[in-house]
Amino acid sequence: MTYEEFNAFCRSLPAASHVVQWGGSHVWKVGGKVFAIGGWQKDGQPAFTFKASDLNFHILSEEPGFRPAPYLASRGMKWIQQYDAPAESDEQLRYYIKESHRIVASGLTKKKQRELGLAE
């Protein structure tokens, strides 16, 4: 996945907003809370970071091309970084980004969820 494809996908998620920060990373938020980051790879290759459920964090931490996210995971947060993956894994990455969006959105207050049109 390229950063352009990453940004297009994140933009398609409900109430998502974009900012460039932290050294030029593409940071995507819902309700002001980060759910995905494109960037942070030192060698210039694409890297994508997202929040994961406990189970997905455990599984992905052991998968090739994935690792606990630098900085975030070392502080006890369940964030994963995909840093080296073939193009055929793009669909899998979309699933995890969408799931990250859901996890972060569900952590917002009910009032904020309603304001953003996320409440059912």
PDB file of N, CA and C in Angstrom:
ATOM      1  N   MET A   1       0.858  -1.175   0.000  1.00  0.00           N
ATOM      2  CA  MET A   1       0.000   0.000   0.000  1.00  0.00           C
ATOM      3  C   MET A   1       0.901   1.234   0.000  1.00  0.00           C
ATOM      4  N   THR A   2       0.545   2.182  -0.804  1.00  0.00           N
ATOM      5  CA  THR A   2       1.271   3.451  -0.817  1.00  0.00           C
ATOM      6  C   THR A   2       0.639   4.395   0.201  1.00  0.00           C
ATOM      7  N   TYR A   3       1.325   5.483   0.500  1.00  0.00           N
ATOM      8  CA  TYR A   3       0.738   6.472   1.402  1.00  0.00           C
ATOM      9  C   TYR A   3      -0.510   7.092   0.782  1.00  0.00           C
ATOM     10  N   GLU A   4      -0.536   7.259  -0.530  1.00  0.00           N
ATOM     11  CA  GLU A   4      -1.725   7.806  -1.200  1.00  0.00           C
ATOM     12  C   GLU A   4      -2.916   6.866  -1.022  1.00  0.00           C
ATOM     13  N   GLU A   5      -2.693   5.561  -1.184  1.00  0.00           N
ATOM     14  CA  GLU A   5      -3.772   4.576  -0.990  1.00  0.00           C
ATOM     15  C   GLU A   5      -4.200   4.528   0.477  1.00  0.00           C
ATOM     16  N   PHE A   6      -3.239   4.609   1.368  1.00  0.00           N
ATOM     17  CA  PHE A   6      -3.524   4.643   2.802  1.00  0.00           C
ATOM     18  C   PHE A   6      -4.412   5.839   3.140  1.00  0.00           C
ATOM     19  N   ASN A   7      -4.017   7.017   2.657  1.00  0.00           N
ATOM     20  CA  ASN A   7      -4.797   8.228   2.936  1.00  0.00           C
ATOM     21  C   ASN A   7      -6.192   8.147   2.341  1.00  0.00           C
ATOM     22  N   ALA A   8      -6.316   7.624   1.128  1.00  0.00           N
ATOM     23  CA  ALA A   8      -7.637   7.489   0.492  1.00  0.00           C
ATOM     24  C   ALA A   8      -8.528   6.553   1.304  1.00  0.00           C
ATOM     25  N   PHE A   9      -7.968   5.453   1.780  1.00  0.00           N
ATOM     26  CA  PHE A   9      -8.769   4.520   2.570  1.00  0.00           C
ATOM     27  C   PHE A   9      -9.193   5.150   3.895  1.00  0.00           C
ATOM     28  N   CYS A  10      -8.260   5.742   4.614  1.00  0.00           N
ATOM     29  CA  CYS A  10      -8.590   6.363   5.904  1.00  0.00           C
ATOM     30  C   CYS A  10      -9.626   7.476   5.729  1.00  0.00           C
ATOM     31  N   ARG A  11      -9.500   8.240   4.652  1.00  0.00           N
ATOM     32  CA  ARG A  11     -10.451   9.322   4.362  1.00  0.00           C
ATOM     33  C   ARG A  11     -11.872   8.778   4.190  1.00  0.00           C
ATOM     34  N   SER A  12     -12.007   7.538   3.736  1.00  0.00           N
ATOM     35  CA  SER A  12     -13.321   6.948   3.480  1.00  0.00           C
ATOM     36  C   SER A  12     -14.035   6.501   4.759  1.00  0.00           C
ATOM     37  N   LEU A  13     -13.328   6.463   5.873  1.00  0.00           N
ATOM     38  CA  LEU A  13     -13.937   6.017   7.120  1.00  0.00           C
ATOM     39  C   LEU A  13     -14.735   7.158   7.761  1.00  0.00           C
ATOM     40  N   PRO A  14     -15.824   6.831   8.447  1.00  0.00           N
ATOM     41  CA  PRO A  14     -16.703   7.863   9.015  1.00  0.00           C
ATOM     42  C   PRO A  14     -15.994   8.797   9.995  1.00  0.00           C
ATOM     43  N   ALA A  15     -16.227  10.087   9.827  1.00  0.00           N
ATOM     44  CA  ALA A  15     -15.755  11.146  10.731  1.00  0.00           C
ATOM     45  C   ALA A  15     -14.236  11.181  10.884  1.00  0.00           C
ATOM     46  N   ALA A  16     -13.511  10.683   9.885  1.00  0.00           N
ATOM     47  CA  ALA A  16     -12.046  10.675   9.946  1.00  0.00           C
ATOM     48  C   ALA A  16     -11.498  12.048   9.570  1.00  0.00           C
ATOM     49  N   SER A  17     -10.442  12.458  10.267  1.00  0.00           N
ATOM     50  CA  SER A  17      -9.766  13.711   9.939  1.00  0.00           C
ATOM     51  C   SER A  17      -8.262  13.440   9.823  1.00  0.00           C
ATOM     52  N   HIS A  18      -7.588  14.280   9.052  1.00  0.00           N
ATOM     53  CA  HIS A  18      -6.175  14.069   8.716  1.00  0.00           C
ATOM     54  C   HIS A  18      -5.344  15.264   9.134  1.00  0.00           C
ATOM     55  N   VAL A  19      -4.157  14.977   9.629  1.00  0.00           N
ATOM     56  CA  VAL A  19      -3.186  16.012   9.941  1.00  0.00           C
ATOM     57  C   VAL A  19      -1.801  15.428   9.664  1.00  0.00           C
ATOM     58  N   VAL A  20      -0.896  16.278   9.239  1.00  0.00           N
ATOM     59  CA  VAL A  20       0.497  15.860   9.076  1.00  0.00           C
ATOM     60  C   VAL A  20       1.263  16.380  10.283  1.00  0.00           C
ATOM     61  N   GLN A  21       1.863  15.469  11.027  1.00  0.00           N
ATOM     62  CA  GLN A  21       2.609  15.848  12.223  1.00  0.00           C
ATOM     63  C   GLN A  21       3.662  14.796  12.507  1.00  0.00           C
ATOM     64  N   TRP A  22       4.410  14.975  13.589  1.00  0.00           N
ATOM     65  CA  TRP A  22       5.427  14.020  14.012  1.00  0.00           C
ATOM     66  C   TRP A  22       6.396  13.685  12.883  1.00  0.00           C
ATOM     67  N   GLY A  23       7.051  14.696  12.361  1.00  0.00           N
ATOM     68  CA  GLY A  23       8.062  14.465  11.348  1.00  0.00           C
ATOM     69  C   GLY A  23       7.514  14.122   9.979  1.00  0.00           C
ATOM     70  N   GLY A  24       6.347  14.635   9.653  1.00  0.00           N
ATOM     71  CA  GLY A  24       5.768  14.420   8.328  1.00  0.00           C
ATOM     72  C   GLY A  24       4.906  13.182   8.199  1.00  0.00           C
ATOM     73  N   SER A  25       4.522  12.576   9.303  1.00  0.00           N
ATOM     74  CA  SER A  25       3.657  11.396   9.258  1.00  0.00           C
ATOM     75  C   SER A  25       2.224  11.801   8.934  1.00  0.00           C
ATOM     76  N   HIS A  26       1.522  10.903   8.238  1.00  0.00           N
ATOM     77  CA  HIS A  26       0.101  11.085   7.931  1.00  0.00           C
ATOM     78  C   HIS A  26      -0.686  10.503   9.108  1.00  0.00           C
ATOM     79  N   VAL A  27      -1.282  11.376   9.906  1.00  0.00           N
ATOM     80  CA  VAL A  27      -1.968  10.959  11.118  1.00  0.00           C
ATOM     81  C   VAL A  27      -3.473  11.089  10.911  1.00  0.00           C
ATOM     82  N   TRP A  28      -4.189   9.992  11.145  1.00  0.00           N
ATOM     83  CA  TRP A  28      -5.639   9.961  10.982  1.00  0.00           C
ATOM     84  C   TRP A  28      -6.302   9.810  12.336  1.00  0.00           C
ATOM     85  N   LYS A  29      -7.345  10.628  12.546  1.00  0.00           N
ATOM     86  CA  LYS A  29      -8.028  10.672  13.829  1.00  0.00           C
ATOM     87  C   LYS A  29      -9.535  10.550  13.633  1.00  0.00           C
ATOM     88  N   VAL A  30     -10.190  10.102  14.690  1.00  0.00           N
ATOM     89  CA  VAL A  30     -11.644  10.134  14.770  1.00  0.00           C
ATOM     90  C   VAL A  30     -11.964  10.737  16.131  1.00  0.00           C
ATOM     91  N   GLY A  31     -12.761  11.811  16.128  1.00  0.00           N
ATOM     92  CA  GLY A  31     -13.080  12.491  17.379  1.00  0.00           C
ATOM     93  C   GLY A  31     -11.849  13.039  18.086  1.00  0.00           C
ATOM     94  N   GLY A  32     -10.820  13.384  17.334  1.00  0.00           N
ATOM     95  CA  GLY A  32      -9.599  13.932  17.915  1.00  0.00           C
ATOM     96  C   GLY A  32      -8.627  12.885  18.437  1.00  0.00           C
ATOM     97  N   LYS A  33      -8.962  11.607  18.312  1.00  0.00           N
ATOM     98  CA  LYS A  33      -8.120  10.511  18.793  1.00  0.00           C
ATOM     99  C   LYS A  33      -7.507   9.762  17.606  1.00  0.00           C
ATOM    100  N   VAL A  34      -6.227   9.482  17.680  1.00  0.00           N
ATOM    101  CA  VAL A  34      -5.498   8.823  16.593  1.00  0.00           C
ATOM    102  C   VAL A  34      -5.963   7.373  16.423  1.00  0.00           C
ATOM    103  N   PHE A  35      -6.202   6.980  15.157  1.00  0.00           N
ATOM    104  CA  PHE A  35      -6.488   5.572  14.881  1.00  0.00           C
ATOM    105  C   PHE A  35      -5.509   4.974  13.875  1.00  0.00           C
ATOM    106  N   ALA A  36      -4.781   5.786  13.112  1.00  0.00           N
ATOM    107  CA  ALA A  36      -3.818   5.249  12.147  1.00  0.00           C
ATOM    108  C   ALA A  36      -2.749   6.291  11.833  1.00  0.00           C
ATOM    109  N   ILE A  37      -1.545   5.778  11.582  1.00  0.00           N
ATOM    110  CA  ILE A  37      -0.415   6.648  11.255  1.00  0.00           C
ATOM    111  C   ILE A  37       0.319   6.044  10.069  1.00  0.00           C
ATOM    112  N   GLY A  38       0.571   6.856   9.071  1.00  0.00           N
ATOM    113  CA  GLY A  38       1.392   6.438   7.939  1.00  0.00           C
ATOM    114  C   GLY A  38       2.720   7.158   8.024  1.00  0.00           C
ATOM    115  N   GLY A  39       3.774   6.414   8.263  1.00  0.00           N
ATOM    116  CA  GLY A  39       5.094   7.012   8.391  1.00  0.00           C
ATOM    117  C   GLY A  39       5.894   6.357   9.489  1.00  0.00           C
ATOM    118  N   TRP A  40       7.009   6.976   9.862  1.00  0.00           N
ATOM    119  CA  TRP A  40       7.901   6.551  10.938  1.00  0.00           C
ATOM    120  C   TRP A  40       8.903   5.493  10.528  1.00  0.00           C
ATOM    121  N   GLN A  41       8.969   5.113   9.274  1.00  0.00           N
ATOM    122  CA  GLN A  41       9.967   4.121   8.854  1.00  0.00           C
ATOM    123  C   GLN A  41      11.245   4.853   8.478  1.00  0.00           C
ATOM    124  N   LYS A  42      12.327   4.537   9.105  1.00  0.00           N
ATOM    125  CA  LYS A  42      13.575   5.272   8.909  1.00  0.00           C
ATOM    126  C   LYS A  42      14.190   5.083   7.535  1.00  0.00           C
ATOM    127  N   ASP A  43      13.956   3.936   6.890  1.00  0.00           N
ATOM    128  CA  ASP A  43      14.598   3.685   5.602  1.00  0.00           C
ATOM    129  C   ASP A  43      13.798   4.223   4.415  1.00  0.00           C
ATOM    130  N   GLY A  44      12.719   4.949   4.686  1.00  0.00           N
ATOM    131  CA  GLY A  44      11.933   5.542   3.616  1.00  0.00           C
ATOM    132  C   GLY A  44      10.844   4.649   3.059  1.00  0.00           C
ATOM    133  N   GLN A  45      10.823   3.377   3.444  1.00  0.00           N
ATOM    134  CA  GLN A  45       9.768   2.472   2.997  1.00  0.00           C
ATOM    135  C   GLN A  45       8.477   2.768   3.768  1.00  0.00           C
ATOM    136  N   PRO A  46       7.326   2.521   3.150  1.00  0.00           N
ATOM    137  CA  PRO A  46       6.062   2.775   3.855  1.00  0.00           C
ATOM    138  C   PRO A  46       5.937   1.940   5.129  1.00  0.00           C
ATOM    139  N   ALA A  47       5.375   2.545   6.138  1.00  0.00           N
ATOM    140  CA  ALA A  47       5.068   1.874   7.401  1.00  0.00           C
ATOM    141  C   ALA A  47       3.718   2.399   7.872  1.00  0.00           C
ATOM    142  N   PHE A  48       2.885   1.509   8.379  1.00  0.00           N
ATOM    143  CA  PHE A  48       1.536   1.878   8.795  1.00  0.00           C
ATOM    144  C   PHE A  48       1.301   1.366  10.209  1.00  0.00           C
ATOM    145  N   THR A  49       0.842   2.252  11.072  1.00  0.00           N
ATOM    146  CA  THR A  49       0.667   1.950  12.483  1.00  0.00           C
ATOM    147  C   THR A  49      -0.806   2.103  12.842  1.00  0.00           C
ATOM    148  N   PHE A  50      -1.307   1.170  13.641  1.00  0.00           N
ATOM    149  CA  PHE A  50      -2.726   1.192  14.002  1.00  0.00           C
ATOM    150  C   PHE A  50      -2.924   0.556  15.370  1.00  0.00           C
ATOM    151  N   LYS A  51      -4.023   0.933  16.012  1.00  0.00           N
ATOM    152  CA  LYS A  51      -4.405   0.359  17.299  1.00  0.00           C
ATOM    153  C   LYS A  51      -4.976  -1.030  17.041  1.00  0.00           C
ATOM    154  N   ALA A  52      -4.698  -1.965  17.941  1.00  0.00           N
ATOM    155  CA  ALA A  52      -5.165  -3.343  17.760  1.00  0.00           C
ATOM    156  C   ALA A  52      -5.877  -3.842  19.011  1.00  0.00           C
ATOM    157  N   SER A  53      -6.781  -4.780  18.816  1.00  0.00           N
ATOM    158  CA  SER A  53      -7.396  -5.452  19.958  1.00  0.00           C
ATOM    159  C   SER A  53      -6.311  -6.268  20.659  1.00  0.00           C
ATOM    160  N   ASP A  54      -6.582  -6.708  21.867  1.00  0.00           N
ATOM    161  CA  ASP A  54      -5.608  -7.522  22.598  1.00  0.00           C
ATOM    162  C   ASP A  54      -5.216  -8.761  21.795  1.00  0.00           C
ATOM    163  N   LEU A  55      -6.207  -9.449  21.240  1.00  0.00           N
ATOM    164  CA  LEU A  55      -5.940 -10.672  20.475  1.00  0.00           C
ATOM    165  C   LEU A  55      -5.127 -10.376  19.216  1.00  0.00           C
ATOM    166  N   ASN A  56      -5.549  -9.373  18.447  1.00  0.00           N
ATOM    167  CA  ASN A  56      -4.818  -9.035  17.224  1.00  0.00           C
ATOM    168  C   ASN A  56      -3.397  -8.564  17.537  1.00  0.00           C
ATOM    169  N   PHE A  57      -3.224  -7.833  18.633  1.00  0.00           N
ATOM    170  CA  PHE A  57      -1.888  -7.399  19.033  1.00  0.00           C
ATOM    171  C   PHE A  57      -1.001  -8.612  19.286  1.00  0.00           C
ATOM    172  N   HIS A  58      -1.525  -9.566  20.016  1.00  0.00           N
ATOM    173  CA  HIS A  58      -0.772 -10.779  20.334  1.00  0.00           C
ATOM    174  C   HIS A  58      -0.406 -11.548  19.061  1.00  0.00           C
ATOM    175  N   ILE A  59      -1.359 -11.714  18.173  1.00  0.00           N
ATOM    176  CA  ILE A  59      -1.126 -12.466  16.931  1.00  0.00           C
ATOM    177  C   ILE A  59      -0.143 -11.733  16.025  1.00  0.00           C
ATOM    178  N   LEU A  60      -0.407 -10.441  15.768  1.00  0.00           N
ATOM    179  CA  LEU A  60       0.411  -9.694  14.809  1.00  0.00           C
ATOM    180  C   LEU A  60       1.832  -9.441  15.312  1.00  0.00           C
ATOM    181  N   SER A  61       2.024  -9.410  16.609  1.00  0.00           N
ATOM    182  CA  SER A  61       3.366  -9.201  17.146  1.00  0.00           C
ATOM    183  C   SER A  61       4.333 -10.289  16.703  1.00  0.00           C
ATOM    184  N   GLU A  62       3.797 -11.454  16.349  1.00  0.00           N
ATOM    185  CA  GLU A  62       4.613 -12.599  15.936  1.00  0.00           C
ATOM    186  C   GLU A  62       4.644 -12.803  14.421  1.00  0.00           C
ATOM    187  N   GLU A  63       3.872 -12.018  13.673  1.00  0.00           N
ATOM    188  CA  GLU A  63       3.786 -12.194  12.222  1.00  0.00           C
ATOM    189  C   GLU A  63       4.919 -11.469  11.508  1.00  0.00           C
ATOM    190  N   PRO A  64       5.464 -12.081  10.443  1.00  0.00           N
ATOM    191  CA  PRO A  64       6.488 -11.384   9.651  1.00  0.00           C
ATOM    192  C   PRO A  64       5.915 -10.096   9.045  1.00  0.00           C
ATOM    193  N   GLY A  65       6.697  -9.035   9.074  1.00  0.00           N
ATOM    194  CA  GLY A  65       6.274  -7.764   8.501  1.00  0.00           C
ATOM    195  C   GLY A  65       5.496  -6.877   9.460  1.00  0.00           C
ATOM    196  N   PHE A  66       5.223  -7.381  10.663  1.00  0.00           N
ATOM    197  CA  PHE A  66       4.519  -6.621  11.695  1.00  0.00           C
ATOM    198  C   PHE A  66       5.379  -6.601  12.951  1.00  0.00           C
ATOM    199  N   ARG A  67       5.194  -5.571  13.766  1.00  0.00           N
ATOM    200  CA  ARG A  67       5.890  -5.494  15.045  1.00  0.00           C
ATOM    201  C   ARG A  67       5.101  -4.571  15.971  1.00  0.00           C
ATOM    202  N   PRO A  68       5.301  -4.738  17.276  1.00  0.00           N
ATOM    203  CA  PRO A  68       4.723  -3.744  18.173  1.00  0.00           C
ATOM    204  C   PRO A  68       5.252  -2.366  17.757  1.00  0.00           C
ATOM    205  N   ALA A  69       4.380  -1.400  17.691  1.00  0.00           N
ATOM    206  CA  ALA A  69       4.751  -0.077  17.176  1.00  0.00           C
ATOM    207  C   ALA A  69       5.813   0.585  18.037  1.00  0.00           C
ATOM    208  N   PRO A  70       6.883   1.052  17.385  1.00  0.00           N
ATOM    209  CA  PRO A  70       7.911   1.771  18.146  1.00  0.00           C
ATOM    210  C   PRO A  70       7.268   2.932  18.919  1.00  0.00           C
ATOM    211  N   TYR A  71       7.764   3.207  20.066  1.00  0.00           N
ATOM    212  CA  TYR A  71       7.323   4.255  20.964  1.00  0.00           C
ATOM    213  C   TYR A  71       5.989   3.904  21.633  1.00  0.00           C
ATOM    214  N   LEU A  72       4.947   3.626  20.859  1.00  0.00           N
ATOM    215  CA  LEU A  72       3.619   3.400  21.441  1.00  0.00           C
ATOM    216  C   LEU A  72       3.555   2.098  22.240  1.00  0.00           C
ATOM    217  N   ALA A  73       3.977   1.001  21.630  1.00  0.00           N
ATOM    218  CA  ALA A  73       3.891  -0.290  22.316  1.00  0.00           C
ATOM    219  C   ALA A  73       4.822  -0.347  23.518  1.00  0.00           C
ATOM    220  N   SER A  74       5.936   0.360  23.451  1.00  0.00           N
ATOM    221  CA  SER A  74       6.865   0.345  24.584  1.00  0.00           C
ATOM    222  C   SER A  74       6.271   1.042  25.806  1.00  0.00           C
ATOM    223  N   ARG A  75       5.184   1.761  25.617  1.00  0.00           N
ATOM    224  CA  ARG A  75       4.493   2.426  26.714  1.00  0.00           C
ATOM    225  C   ARG A  75       3.233   1.665  27.124  1.00  0.00           C
ATOM    226  N   GLY A  76       3.155   0.404  26.705  1.00  0.00           N
ATOM    227  CA  GLY A  76       2.050  -0.448  27.114  1.00  0.00           C
ATOM    228  C   GLY A  76       0.803  -0.336  26.255  1.00  0.00           C
ATOM    229  N   MET A  77       0.862   0.444  25.188  1.00  0.00           N
ATOM    230  CA  MET A  77      -0.296   0.592  24.317  1.00  0.00           C
ATOM    231  C   MET A  77      -0.311  -0.523  23.276  1.00  0.00           C
ATOM    232  N   LYS A  78      -1.480  -0.951  22.884  1.00  0.00           N
ATOM    233  CA  LYS A  78      -1.641  -2.047  21.917  1.00  0.00           C
ATOM    234  C   LYS A  78      -1.683  -1.488  20.500  1.00  0.00           C
ATOM    235  N   TRP A  79      -0.528  -1.073  20.015  1.00  0.00           N
ATOM    236  CA  TRP A  79      -0.397  -0.548  18.660  1.00  0.00           C
ATOM    237  C   TRP A  79       0.589  -1.416  17.890  1.00  0.00           C
ATOM    238  N   ILE A  80       0.252  -1.682  16.628  1.00  0.00           N
ATOM    239  CA  ILE A  80       1.067  -2.514  15.741  1.00  0.00           C
ATOM    240  C   ILE A  80       1.532  -1.669  14.562  1.00  0.00           C
ATOM    241  N   GLN A  81       2.724  -1.973  14.071  1.00  0.00           N
ATOM    242  CA  GLN A  81       3.214  -1.327  12.859  1.00  0.00           C
ATOM    243  C   GLN A  81       3.468  -2.394  11.797  1.00  0.00           C
ATOM    244  N   GLN A  82       2.871  -2.174  10.623  1.00  0.00           N
ATOM    245  CA  GLN A  82       3.193  -3.002   9.464  1.00  0.00           C
ATOM    246  C   GLN A  82       4.308  -2.267   8.731  1.00  0.00           C
ATOM    247  N   TYR A  83       5.457  -2.879   8.628  1.00  0.00           N
ATOM    248  CA  TYR A  83       6.610  -2.192   8.060  1.00  0.00           C
ATOM    249  C   TYR A  83       7.193  -2.879   6.836  1.00  0.00           C
ATOM    250  N   ASP A  84       6.813  -4.092   6.580  1.00  0.00           N
ATOM    251  CA  ASP A  84       7.376  -4.822   5.447  1.00  0.00           C
ATOM    252  C   ASP A  84       6.372  -5.885   5.039  1.00  0.00           C
ATOM    253  N   ALA A  85       5.577  -5.569   4.020  1.00  0.00           N
ATOM    254  CA  ALA A  85       4.543  -6.515   3.629  1.00  0.00           C
ATOM    255  C   ALA A  85       4.337  -6.467   2.126  1.00  0.00           C
ATOM    256  N   PRO A  86       4.027  -7.606   1.530  1.00  0.00           N
ATOM    257  CA  PRO A  86       3.749  -7.633   0.094  1.00  0.00           C
ATOM    258  C   PRO A  86       2.416  -6.957  -0.220  1.00  0.00           C
ATOM    259  N   ALA A  87       2.262  -6.541  -1.466  1.00  0.00           N
ATOM    260  CA  ALA A  87       1.043  -5.821  -1.881  1.00  0.00           C
ATOM    261  C   ALA A  87      -0.218  -6.637  -1.635  1.00  0.00           C
ATOM    262  N   GLU A  88      -0.127  -7.955  -1.711  1.00  0.00           N
ATOM    263  CA  GLU A  88      -1.329  -8.768  -1.502  1.00  0.00           C
ATOM    264  C   GLU A  88      -1.850  -8.695  -0.070  1.00  0.00           C
ATOM    265  N   SER A  89      -1.103  -8.089   0.827  1.00  0.00           N
ATOM    266  CA  SER A  89      -1.578  -7.939   2.201  1.00  0.00           C
ATOM    267  C   SER A  89      -2.349  -6.636   2.409  1.00  0.00           C
ATOM    268  N   ASP A  90      -2.552  -5.857   1.348  1.00  0.00           N
ATOM    269  CA  ASP A  90      -3.268  -4.581   1.479  1.00  0.00           C
ATOM    270  C   ASP A  90      -4.667  -4.764   2.043  1.00  0.00           C
ATOM    271  N   GLU A  91      -5.364  -5.819   1.628  1.00  0.00           N
ATOM    272  CA  GLU A  91      -6.725  -6.046   2.127  1.00  0.00           C
ATOM    273  C   GLU A  91      -6.702  -6.316   3.631  1.00  0.00           C
ATOM    274  N   GLN A  92      -5.717  -7.063   4.077  1.00  0.00           N
ATOM    275  CA  GLN A  92      -5.554  -7.334   5.503  1.00  0.00           C
ATOM    276  C   GLN A  92      -5.291  -6.025   6.260  1.00  0.00           C
ATOM    277  N   LEU A  93      -4.432  -5.185   5.705  1.00  0.00           N
ATOM    278  CA  LEU A  93      -4.140  -3.905   6.348  1.00  0.00           C
ATOM    279  C   LEU A  93      -5.394  -3.044   6.418  1.00  0.00           C
ATOM    280  N   ARG A  94      -6.199  -3.022   5.361  1.00  0.00           N
ATOM    281  CA  ARG A  94      -7.462  -2.257   5.392  1.00  0.00           C
ATOM    282  C   ARG A  94      -8.360  -2.747   6.535  1.00  0.00           C
ATOM    283  N   TYR A  95      -8.425  -4.057   6.699  1.00  0.00           N
ATOM    284  CA  TYR A  95      -9.239  -4.618   7.789  1.00  0.00           C
ATOM    285  C   TYR A  95      -8.739  -4.085   9.138  1.00  0.00           C
ATOM    286  N   TYR A  96      -7.439  -4.138   9.382  1.00  0.00           N
ATOM    287  CA  TYR A  96      -6.895  -3.714  10.676  1.00  0.00           C
ATOM    288  C   TYR A  96      -7.059  -2.212  10.902  1.00  0.00           C
ATOM    289  N   ILE A  97      -6.940  -1.418   9.856  1.00  0.00           N
ATOM    290  CA  ILE A  97      -7.155   0.029   9.999  1.00  0.00           C
ATOM    291  C   ILE A  97      -8.622   0.313  10.311  1.00  0.00           C
ATOM    292  N   LYS A  98      -9.518  -0.382   9.625  1.00  0.00           N
ATOM    293  CA  LYS A  98     -10.951  -0.202   9.885  1.00  0.00           C
ATOM    294  C   LYS A  98     -11.283  -0.635  11.318  1.00  0.00           C
ATOM    295  N   GLU A  99     -10.680  -1.709  11.759  1.00  0.00           N
ATOM    296  CA  GLU A  99     -10.886  -2.184  13.130  1.00  0.00           C
ATOM    297  C   GLU A  99     -10.320  -1.185  14.139  1.00  0.00           C
ATOM    298  N   SER A 100      -9.180  -0.598  13.846  1.00  0.00           N
ATOM    299  CA  SER A 100      -8.598   0.431  14.713  1.00  0.00           C
ATOM    300  C   SER A 100      -9.552   1.618  14.817  1.00  0.00           C
ATOM    301  N   HIS A 101     -10.105   2.040  13.699  1.00  0.00           N
ATOM    302  CA  HIS A 101     -11.079   3.136  13.684  1.00  0.00           C
ATOM    303  C   HIS A 101     -12.256   2.793  14.595  1.00  0.00           C
ATOM    304  N   ARG A 102     -12.754   1.566  14.494  1.00  0.00           N
ATOM    305  CA  ARG A 102     -13.895   1.128  15.305  1.00  0.00           C
ATOM    306  C   ARG A 102     -13.538   1.148  16.790  1.00  0.00           C
ATOM    307  N   ILE A 103     -12.359   0.639  17.140  1.00  0.00           N
ATOM    308  CA  ILE A 103     -11.928   0.593  18.541  1.00  0.00           C
ATOM    309  C   ILE A 103     -11.831   2.009  19.113  1.00  0.00           C
ATOM    310  N   VAL A 104     -11.183   2.893  18.374  1.00  0.00           N
ATOM    311  CA  VAL A 104     -11.000   4.267  18.857  1.00  0.00           C
ATOM    312  C   VAL A 104     -12.342   4.985  18.939  1.00  0.00           C
ATOM    313  N   ALA A 105     -13.188   4.840  17.917  1.00  0.00           N
ATOM    314  CA  ALA A 105     -14.505   5.498  17.925  1.00  0.00           C
ATOM    315  C   ALA A 105     -15.365   4.993  19.077  1.00  0.00           C
ATOM    316  N   SER A 106     -15.288   3.702  19.379  1.00  0.00           N
ATOM    317  CA  SER A 106     -16.104   3.153  20.466  1.00  0.00           C
ATOM    318  C   SER A 106     -15.635   3.648  21.836  1.00  0.00           C
ATOM    319  N   GLY A 107     -14.410   4.155  21.908  1.00  0.00           N
ATOM    320  CA  GLY A 107     -13.900   4.717  23.151  1.00  0.00           C
ATOM    321  C   GLY A 107     -14.289   6.164  23.383  1.00  0.00           C
ATOM    322  N   LEU A 108     -14.891   6.785  22.382  1.00  0.00           N
ATOM    323  CA  LEU A 108     -15.352   8.166  22.528  1.00  0.00           C
ATOM    324  C   LEU A 108     -16.612   8.188  23.382  1.00  0.00           C
ATOM    325  N   THR A 109     -16.914   9.320  23.975  1.00  0.00           N
ATOM    326  CA  THR A 109     -18.152   9.421  24.745  1.00  0.00           C
ATOM    327  C   THR A 109     -19.342   9.235  23.812  1.00  0.00           C
ATOM    328  N   LYS A 110     -20.434   8.811  24.376  1.00  0.00           N
ATOM    329  CA  LYS A 110     -21.660   8.621  23.573  1.00  0.00           C
ATOM    330  C   LYS A 110     -22.067   9.947  22.930  1.00  0.00           C
ATOM    331  N   LYS A 111     -21.905  11.031  23.670  1.00  0.00           N
ATOM    332  CA  LYS A 111     -22.242  12.356  23.135  1.00  0.00           C
ATOM    333  C   LYS A 111     -21.382  12.657  21.906  1.00  0.00           C
ATOM    334  N   LYS A 112     -20.083  12.422  22.014  1.00  0.00           N
ATOM    335  CA  LYS A 112     -19.177  12.682  20.889  1.00  0.00           C
ATOM    336  C   LYS A 112     -19.508  11.770  19.708  1.00  0.00           C
ATOM    337  N   GLN A 113     -19.828  10.521  19.976  1.00  0.00           N
ATOM    338  CA  GLN A 113     -20.207   9.591  18.911  1.00  0.00           C
ATOM    339  C   GLN A 113     -21.447  10.113  18.178  1.00  0.00           C
ATOM    340  N   ARG A 114     -22.419  10.616  18.920  1.00  0.00           N
ATOM    341  CA  ARG A 114     -23.630  11.163  18.287  1.00  0.00           C
ATOM    342  C   ARG A 114     -23.293  12.395  17.454  1.00  0.00           C
ATOM    343  N   GLU A 115     -22.458  13.294  18.006  1.00  0.00           N
ATOM    344  CA  GLU A 115     -22.062  14.510  17.285  1.00  0.00           C
ATOM    345  C   GLU A 115     -21.394  14.179  15.947  1.00  0.00           C
ATOM    346  N   LEU A 116     -20.628  13.107  15.932  1.00  0.00           N
ATOM    347  CA  LEU A 116     -19.896  12.696  14.717  1.00  0.00           C
ATOM    348  C   LEU A 116     -20.711  11.783  13.814  1.00  0.00           C
ATOM    349  N   GLY A 117     -21.921  11.451  14.226  1.00  0.00           N
ATOM    350  CA  GLY A 117     -22.756  10.562  13.418  1.00  0.00           C
ATOM    351  C   GLY A 117     -22.313   9.113  13.495  1.00  0.00           C
ATOM    352  N   LEU A 118     -21.655   8.733  14.589  1.00  0.00           N
ATOM    353  CA  LEU A 118     -21.148   7.377  14.741  1.00  0.00           C
ATOM    354  C   LEU A 118     -22.044   6.499  15.597  1.00  0.00           C
ATOM    355  N   ALA A 119     -22.928   7.102  16.367  1.00  0.00           N
ATOM    356  CA  ALA A 119     -23.816   6.334  17.247  1.00  0.00           C
ATOM    357  C   ALA A 119     -24.919   5.686  16.424  1.00  0.00           C
ATOM    358  N   GLU A 120     -25.263   4.497  16.844  1.00  0.00           N
ATOM    359  CA  GLU A 120     -26.330   3.759  16.115  1.00  0.00           C
ATOM    360  C   GLU A 120     -27.681   4.068  16.672  1.00  0.00           C
TER     361      GLU A 120
END
